[in-house]
Amino acid sequence: MKDYRLVLPKDDHGQPKRLFGLNAETNDAKAINQLSGICAGILSDGVVNEQEAQFFADWVRRTAALEPIWPFTELLVRIKRIFEDGRCDDEERAELKDVMEALCGQQSDAPAKEVLSTTLPLDNPPPEPVVFTNKMFSITGKFAFGIRRKVIEAIEAHGGGASDTAPNQDSHYLVIGVFASRDWIHASYGRKIEHAVKLRDSGSGLAIVSEEHWKKFLG
């Protein structure tokens, strides 16, 4: 009888290669889920103490090495600066609290049953002005202005084009609605923001703006 054996392909180091790659998108979602849970837990008492700041920094450092995507890349830059001198004082812990709130969309004056959308990826400073004529807009999140159709109609009335699909190389703006579902990190909402950050960082010219800033230029 013929002897059948499974022979795994080897890499340059003589180690077996994986036959199936890891699901990067699933891993990203899990990591962002964990991030959201950690931020919510730390913010639950309204204070970021020294131990919590150190725990958060250590967790982000470990996770960013495995998931080099937004928002971990931006968080890592902030943490490196804050802990550059090996400590985190009251002012720096307040900054970390602001970052966590920006990421999770938590604000003390948020309307009941609504969660304010993330502000972490917004252009800072924002573009002045927001130009509509012959510009392409991508929108995401939930808008105080109205349902997405109303947002798109407002942009088109000012000479621009708009859709609620993910931005691409031809997009000029991503507008993030002031309200976000509590599950913004899942599916299209988080993916649009992540994709937009990558486009912006690649030099595409895309600007990421809040609903409030966008609305200022509707006239």
C-alpha atoms as a PDB file:
ATOM      1  CA  MET A   1       0.000   0.000   0.000  1.00  0.00           C
ATOM      2  CA  LYS A   2       1.277   3.425  -0.915  1.00  0.00           C
ATOM      3  CA  ASP A   3       2.340   5.567   2.043  1.00  0.00           C
ATOM      4  CA  TYR A   4       0.548   8.931   1.935  1.00  0.00           C
ATOM      5  CA  ARG A   5       2.032  11.641   4.105  1.00  0.00           C
ATOM      6  CA  LEU A   6       1.127  15.266   4.606  1.00  0.00           C
ATOM      7  CA  VAL A   7       4.148  17.399   3.809  1.00  0.00           C
ATOM      8  CA  LEU A   8       3.800  20.970   5.001  1.00  0.00           C
ATOM      9  CA  PRO A   9       5.581  23.683   3.023  1.00  0.00           C
ATOM     10  CA  LYS A  10       8.503  25.237   4.878  1.00  0.00           C
ATOM     11  CA  ASP A  11       9.599  28.842   5.106  1.00  0.00           C
ATOM     12  CA  ASP A  12      13.158  30.136   4.670  1.00  0.00           C
ATOM     13  CA  HIS A  13      13.875  29.222   8.275  1.00  0.00           C
ATOM     14  CA  GLY A  14      12.741  25.621   7.841  1.00  0.00           C
ATOM     15  CA  GLN A  15       9.545  26.186   9.833  1.00  0.00           C
ATOM     16  CA  PRO A  16       6.123  24.995   8.601  1.00  0.00           C
ATOM     17  CA  LYS A  17       4.112  27.686   6.879  1.00  0.00           C
ATOM     18  CA  ARG A  18       0.509  28.361   7.889  1.00  0.00           C
ATOM     19  CA  LEU A  19      -1.885  26.785   5.416  1.00  0.00           C
ATOM     20  CA  PHE A  20      -4.546  29.346   6.240  1.00  0.00           C
ATOM     21  CA  GLY A  21      -3.903  33.012   7.007  1.00  0.00           C
ATOM     22  CA  LEU A  22      -5.383  34.732   9.991  1.00  0.00           C
ATOM     23  CA  ASN A  23      -8.537  36.753   9.411  1.00  0.00           C
ATOM     24  CA  ALA A  24      -7.077  40.238   9.742  1.00  0.00           C
ATOM     25  CA  GLU A  25     -10.437  42.009   9.628  1.00  0.00           C
ATOM     26  CA  THR A  26     -11.829  39.861  12.445  1.00  0.00           C
ATOM     27  CA  ASN A  27      -8.706  40.402  14.522  1.00  0.00           C
ATOM     28  CA  ASP A  28      -8.939  44.171  13.985  1.00  0.00           C
ATOM     29  CA  ALA A  29     -12.571  44.193  15.097  1.00  0.00           C
ATOM     30  CA  LYS A  30     -11.774  42.179  18.213  1.00  0.00           C
ATOM     31  CA  ALA A  31      -8.916  44.497  19.139  1.00  0.00           C
ATOM     32  CA  ILE A  32     -11.097  47.580  18.691  1.00  0.00           C
ATOM     33  CA  ASN A  33     -13.858  45.928  20.728  1.00  0.00           C
ATOM     34  CA  GLN A  34     -11.371  45.389  23.530  1.00  0.00           C
ATOM     35  CA  LEU A  35     -10.181  48.979  23.270  1.00  0.00           C
ATOM     36  CA  SER A  36     -13.729  50.277  23.547  1.00  0.00           C
ATOM     37  CA  GLY A  37     -14.407  48.091  26.569  1.00  0.00           C
ATOM     38  CA  ILE A  38     -11.213  49.164  28.325  1.00  0.00           C
ATOM     39  CA  CYS A  39     -11.943  52.851  27.738  1.00  0.00           C
ATOM     40  CA  ALA A  40     -15.526  52.462  28.966  1.00  0.00           C
ATOM     41  CA  GLY A  41     -14.341  50.643  32.077  1.00  0.00           C
ATOM     42  CA  ILE A  42     -11.721  53.244  32.931  1.00  0.00           C
ATOM     43  CA  LEU A  43     -14.145  56.103  32.324  1.00  0.00           C
ATOM     44  CA  SER A  44     -16.951  54.539  34.351  1.00  0.00           C
ATOM     45  CA  ASP A  45     -16.071  56.566  37.475  1.00  0.00           C
ATOM     46  CA  GLY A  46     -15.172  59.716  35.522  1.00  0.00           C
ATOM     47  CA  VAL A  47     -11.512  59.629  36.599  1.00  0.00           C
ATOM     48  CA  VAL A  48      -8.301  58.234  35.090  1.00  0.00           C
ATOM     49  CA  ASN A  49      -5.944  57.446  37.944  1.00  0.00           C
ATOM     50  CA  GLU A  50      -2.234  56.661  37.707  1.00  0.00           C
ATOM     51  CA  GLN A  51      -2.667  52.884  37.677  1.00  0.00           C
ATOM     52  CA  GLU A  52      -5.341  53.072  34.985  1.00  0.00           C
ATOM     53  CA  ALA A  53      -3.181  55.355  32.848  1.00  0.00           C
ATOM     54  CA  GLN A  54      -0.248  52.946  33.095  1.00  0.00           C
ATOM     55  CA  PHE A  55      -2.438  49.929  32.349  1.00  0.00           C
ATOM     56  CA  PHE A  56      -3.945  51.669  29.312  1.00  0.00           C
ATOM     57  CA  ALA A  57      -0.509  52.683  28.007  1.00  0.00           C
ATOM     58  CA  ASP A  58       0.915  49.176  28.418  1.00  0.00           C
ATOM     59  CA  TRP A  59      -2.102  47.607  26.706  1.00  0.00           C
ATOM     60  CA  VAL A  60      -1.958  50.014  23.755  1.00  0.00           C
ATOM     61  CA  ARG A  61       1.793  49.421  23.315  1.00  0.00           C
ATOM     62  CA  ARG A  62       1.279  45.656  23.137  1.00  0.00           C
ATOM     63  CA  THR A  63      -1.763  45.829  20.892  1.00  0.00           C
ATOM     64  CA  ALA A  64      -0.404  48.460  18.502  1.00  0.00           C
ATOM     65  CA  ALA A  65       2.539  46.194  17.722  1.00  0.00           C
ATOM     66  CA  LEU A  66       0.087  43.495  16.552  1.00  0.00           C
ATOM     67  CA  GLU A  67      -2.582  45.776  15.060  1.00  0.00           C
ATOM     68  CA  PRO A  68      -0.796  48.711  13.354  1.00  0.00           C
ATOM     69  CA  ILE A  69      -4.090  50.331  12.312  1.00  0.00           C
ATOM     70  CA  TRP A  70      -6.069  53.378  13.338  1.00  0.00           C
ATOM     71  CA  PRO A  71      -6.830  54.138  16.135  1.00  0.00           C
ATOM     72  CA  PHE A  72      -3.928  52.228  17.704  1.00  0.00           C
ATOM     73  CA  THR A  73      -1.312  54.049  15.626  1.00  0.00           C
ATOM     74  CA  GLU A  74      -2.561  57.447  16.793  1.00  0.00           C
ATOM     75  CA  LEU A  75      -2.934  56.331  20.392  1.00  0.00           C
ATOM     76  CA  LEU A  76       0.626  55.013  20.386  1.00  0.00           C
ATOM     77  CA  VAL A  77       1.996  58.378  19.277  1.00  0.00           C
ATOM     78  CA  ARG A  78       0.137  60.125  22.101  1.00  0.00           C
ATOM     79  CA  ILE A  79       1.250  57.607  24.707  1.00  0.00           C
ATOM     80  CA  LYS A  80       4.891  57.823  23.644  1.00  0.00           C
ATOM     81  CA  ARG A  81       4.781  61.587  24.095  1.00  0.00           C
ATOM     82  CA  ILE A  82       2.895  61.482  27.415  1.00  0.00           C
ATOM     83  CA  PHE A  83       5.179  58.864  28.973  1.00  0.00           C
ATOM     84  CA  GLU A  84       8.381  60.212  27.456  1.00  0.00           C
ATOM     85  CA  ASP A  85       9.645  61.247  30.900  1.00  0.00           C
ATOM     86  CA  GLY A  86       8.543  57.948  32.476  1.00  0.00           C
ATOM     87  CA  ARG A  87       5.596  59.418  34.369  1.00  0.00           C
ATOM     88  CA  CYS A  88       2.057  60.642  33.804  1.00  0.00           C
ATOM     89  CA  ASP A  89       1.039  63.711  35.800  1.00  0.00           C
ATOM     90  CA  ASP A  90      -2.437  65.100  36.460  1.00  0.00           C
ATOM     91  CA  GLU A  91      -2.508  67.154  33.272  1.00  0.00           C
ATOM     92  CA  GLU A  92      -1.368  64.202  31.160  1.00  0.00           C
ATOM     93  CA  ARG A  93      -3.946  61.889  32.757  1.00  0.00           C
ATOM     94  CA  ALA A  94      -6.572  64.488  31.908  1.00  0.00           C
ATOM     95  CA  GLU A  95      -5.340  64.357  28.309  1.00  0.00           C
ATOM     96  CA  LEU A  96      -5.635  60.559  28.302  1.00  0.00           C
ATOM     97  CA  LYS A  97      -9.177  60.920  29.637  1.00  0.00           C
ATOM     98  CA  ASP A  98      -9.992  63.326  26.799  1.00  0.00           C
ATOM     99  CA  VAL A  99      -8.551  60.871  24.275  1.00  0.00           C
ATOM    100  CA  MET A 100     -10.625  58.003  25.671  1.00  0.00           C
ATOM    101  CA  GLU A 101     -13.757  60.144  25.643  1.00  0.00           C
ATOM    102  CA  ALA A 102     -13.022  61.267  22.088  1.00  0.00           C
ATOM    103  CA  LEU A 103     -12.571  57.681  20.987  1.00  0.00           C
ATOM    104  CA  CYS A 104     -15.657  56.344  22.734  1.00  0.00           C
ATOM    105  CA  GLY A 105     -17.805  59.382  22.062  1.00  0.00           C
ATOM    106  CA  GLN A 106     -18.545  59.926  25.744  1.00  0.00           C
ATOM    107  CA  GLN A 107     -19.516  63.383  26.935  1.00  0.00           C
ATOM    108  CA  SER A 108     -21.349  64.325  30.109  1.00  0.00           C
ATOM    109  CA  ASP A 109     -23.877  66.491  28.251  1.00  0.00           C
ATOM    110  CA  ALA A 110     -24.761  63.885  25.604  1.00  0.00           C
ATOM    111  CA  PRO A 111     -28.540  63.568  25.069  1.00  0.00           C
ATOM    112  CA  ALA A 112     -30.187  60.548  26.661  1.00  0.00           C
ATOM    113  CA  LYS A 113     -29.761  57.280  24.760  1.00  0.00           C
ATOM    114  CA  GLU A 114     -27.350  58.906  22.317  1.00  0.00           C
ATOM    115  CA  VAL A 115     -23.596  58.510  22.155  1.00  0.00           C
ATOM    116  CA  LEU A 116     -21.568  61.264  20.563  1.00  0.00           C
ATOM    117  CA  SER A 117     -19.399  60.052  17.714  1.00  0.00           C
ATOM    118  CA  THR A 118     -15.650  59.709  17.892  1.00  0.00           C
ATOM    119  CA  THR A 119     -13.588  62.893  17.444  1.00  0.00           C
ATOM    120  CA  LEU A 120     -10.168  61.273  17.465  1.00  0.00           C
ATOM    121  CA  PRO A 121      -9.619  61.096  13.676  1.00  0.00           C
ATOM    122  CA  LEU A 122     -10.863  64.605  12.849  1.00  0.00           C
ATOM    123  CA  ASP A 123      -8.518  66.988  11.050  1.00  0.00           C
ATOM    124  CA  ASN A 124      -6.893  69.316  13.554  1.00  0.00           C
ATOM    125  CA  PRO A 125      -7.089  72.103  12.648  1.00  0.00           C
ATOM    126  CA  PRO A 126     -10.150  71.507  10.466  1.00  0.00           C
ATOM    127  CA  PRO A 127     -10.154  72.805   6.892  1.00  0.00           C
ATOM    128  CA  GLU A 128     -11.402  76.370   6.500  1.00  0.00           C
ATOM    129  CA  PRO A 129     -13.688  76.653   4.650  1.00  0.00           C
ATOM    130  CA  VAL A 130     -15.423  73.402   3.713  1.00  0.00           C
ATOM    131  CA  VAL A 131     -15.879  73.752  -0.052  1.00  0.00           C
ATOM    132  CA  PHE A 132     -18.929  72.140  -1.655  1.00  0.00           C
ATOM    133  CA  THR A 133     -18.774  72.962  -5.361  1.00  0.00           C
ATOM    134  CA  ASN A 134     -17.462  70.011  -7.389  1.00  0.00           C
ATOM    135  CA  LYS A 135     -16.299  68.236  -4.235  1.00  0.00           C
ATOM    136  CA  MET A 136     -17.124  64.654  -3.270  1.00  0.00           C
ATOM    137  CA  PHE A 137     -18.350  63.866   0.242  1.00  0.00           C
ATOM    138  CA  SER A 138     -18.644  60.572   2.059  1.00  0.00           C
ATOM    139  CA  ILE A 139     -20.836  60.549   5.161  1.00  0.00           C
ATOM    140  CA  THR A 140     -20.974  58.169   8.087  1.00  0.00           C
ATOM    141  CA  GLY A 141     -22.607  57.960  11.497  1.00  0.00           C
ATOM    142  CA  LYS A 142     -25.911  59.400  12.631  1.00  0.00           C
ATOM    143  CA  PHE A 143     -26.555  63.101  11.998  1.00  0.00           C
ATOM    144  CA  ALA A 144     -28.387  65.601  14.168  1.00  0.00           C
ATOM    145  CA  PHE A 145     -29.033  67.443  10.867  1.00  0.00           C
ATOM    146  CA  GLY A 146     -31.383  64.679   9.806  1.00  0.00           C
ATOM    147  CA  ILE A 147     -31.447  61.326   8.059  1.00  0.00           C
ATOM    148  CA  ARG A 148     -28.655  60.612   5.593  1.00  0.00           C
ATOM    149  CA  ARG A 149     -30.834  61.434   2.587  1.00  0.00           C
ATOM    150  CA  LYS A 150     -31.289  64.963   3.961  1.00  0.00           C
ATOM    151  CA  VAL A 151     -27.535  65.319   4.474  1.00  0.00           C
ATOM    152  CA  ILE A 152     -26.850  64.178   0.914  1.00  0.00           C
ATOM    153  CA  GLU A 153     -29.515  66.533  -0.454  1.00  0.00           C
ATOM    154  CA  ALA A 154     -27.960  69.467   1.419  1.00  0.00           C
ATOM    155  CA  ILE A 155     -24.540  68.738  -0.060  1.00  0.00           C
ATOM    156  CA  GLU A 156     -25.952  68.379  -3.568  1.00  0.00           C
ATOM    157  CA  ALA A 157     -27.900  71.639  -3.167  1.00  0.00           C
ATOM    158  CA  HIS A 158     -24.556  73.371  -2.559  1.00  0.00           C
ATOM    159  CA  GLY A 159     -22.961  71.922  -5.688  1.00  0.00           C
ATOM    160  CA  GLY A 160     -21.224  68.879  -4.242  1.00  0.00           C
ATOM    161  CA  GLY A 161     -21.631  65.153  -4.618  1.00  0.00           C
ATOM    162  CA  ALA A 162     -22.259  62.786  -1.725  1.00  0.00           C
ATOM    163  CA  SER A 163     -22.777  59.168  -0.789  1.00  0.00           C
ATOM    164  CA  ASP A 164     -22.797  57.021   2.331  1.00  0.00           C
ATOM    165  CA  THR A 165     -20.289  54.586   0.861  1.00  0.00           C
ATOM    166  CA  ALA A 166     -16.655  54.375   1.950  1.00  0.00           C
ATOM    167  CA  PRO A 167     -14.414  57.226   0.731  1.00  0.00           C
ATOM    168  CA  ASN A 168     -11.978  56.622  -2.119  1.00  0.00           C
ATOM    169  CA  GLN A 169      -9.178  58.426  -3.932  1.00  0.00           C
ATOM    170  CA  ASP A 170     -11.720  60.791  -5.521  1.00  0.00           C
ATOM    171  CA  SER A 171     -13.264  61.801  -2.178  1.00  0.00           C
ATOM    172  CA  HIS A 172     -12.516  65.208  -0.699  1.00  0.00           C
ATOM    173  CA  TYR A 173     -14.292  64.927   2.672  1.00  0.00           C
ATOM    174  CA  LEU A 174     -15.521  62.348   5.149  1.00  0.00           C
ATOM    175  CA  VAL A 175     -18.176  63.890   7.404  1.00  0.00           C
ATOM    176  CA  ILE A 176     -18.833  62.085  10.697  1.00  0.00           C
ATOM    177  CA  GLY A 177     -22.312  62.562  12.141  1.00  0.00           C
ATOM    178  CA  VAL A 178     -22.504  64.013  15.630  1.00  0.00           C
ATOM    179  CA  PHE A 179     -24.322  60.933  16.927  1.00  0.00           C
ATOM    180  CA  ALA A 180     -23.049  57.429  16.502  1.00  0.00           C
ATOM    181  CA  SER A 181     -24.555  54.107  17.263  1.00  0.00           C
ATOM    182  CA  ARG A 182     -23.038  52.628  20.394  1.00  0.00           C
ATOM    183  CA  ASP A 183     -21.731  49.957  18.004  1.00  0.00           C
ATOM    184  CA  TRP A 184     -19.851  52.443  15.786  1.00  0.00           C
ATOM    185  CA  ILE A 185     -16.707  50.294  15.945  1.00  0.00           C
ATOM    186  CA  HIS A 186     -18.438  47.472  14.107  1.00  0.00           C
ATOM    187  CA  ALA A 187     -19.039  47.053  10.380  1.00  0.00           C
ATOM    188  CA  SER A 188     -19.145  50.037   8.056  1.00  0.00           C
ATOM    189  CA  TYR A 189     -18.911  52.914  10.540  1.00  0.00           C
ATOM    190  CA  GLY A 190     -15.528  51.994  11.971  1.00  0.00           C
ATOM    191  CA  ARG A 191     -14.256  50.668   8.660  1.00  0.00           C
ATOM    192  CA  LYS A 192     -15.071  53.935   6.874  1.00  0.00           C
ATOM    193  CA  ILE A 193     -13.152  55.939   9.446  1.00  0.00           C
ATOM    194  CA  GLU A 194     -10.204  53.552   9.348  1.00  0.00           C
ATOM    195  CA  HIS A 195     -10.161  53.652   5.534  1.00  0.00           C
ATOM    196  CA  ALA A 196     -10.433  57.437   5.526  1.00  0.00           C
ATOM    197  CA  VAL A 197      -7.478  57.796   7.893  1.00  0.00           C
ATOM    198  CA  LYS A 198      -5.382  55.584   5.615  1.00  0.00           C
ATOM    199  CA  LEU A 199      -6.346  57.681   2.591  1.00  0.00           C
ATOM    200  CA  ARG A 200      -5.561  60.925   4.388  1.00  0.00           C
ATOM    201  CA  ASP A 201      -2.232  59.642   5.658  1.00  0.00           C
ATOM    202  CA  SER A 202      -1.285  58.510   2.148  1.00  0.00           C
ATOM    203  CA  GLY A 203      -1.591  62.104   0.921  1.00  0.00           C
ATOM    204  CA  SER A 204      -4.873  61.772  -0.985  1.00  0.00           C
ATOM    205  CA  GLY A 205      -6.057  65.198   0.178  1.00  0.00           C
ATOM    206  CA  LEU A 206      -9.068  63.786   2.031  1.00  0.00           C
ATOM    207  CA  ALA A 207     -10.252  65.815   5.026  1.00  0.00           C
ATOM    208  CA  ILE A 208     -12.124  64.236   7.947  1.00  0.00           C
ATOM    209  CA  VAL A 209     -14.552  66.672   9.549  1.00  0.00           C
ATOM    210  CA  SER A 210     -17.324  66.653  12.119  1.00  0.00           C
ATOM    211  CA  GLU A 211     -20.964  67.332  11.395  1.00  0.00           C
ATOM    212  CA  GLU A 212     -20.705  70.559  13.409  1.00  0.00           C
ATOM    213  CA  HIS A 213     -17.845  71.884  11.289  1.00  0.00           C
ATOM    214  CA  TRP A 214     -19.495  70.797   8.029  1.00  0.00           C
ATOM    215  CA  LYS A 215     -22.773  72.473   9.007  1.00  0.00           C
ATOM    216  CA  LYS A 216     -21.059  75.840   9.629  1.00  0.00           C
ATOM    217  CA  PHE A 217     -20.538  76.260   5.875  1.00  0.00           C
ATOM    218  CA  LEU A 218     -24.039  75.367   4.710  1.00  0.00           C
ATOM    219  CA  GLY A 219     -25.017  79.012   5.011  1.00  0.00           C
END
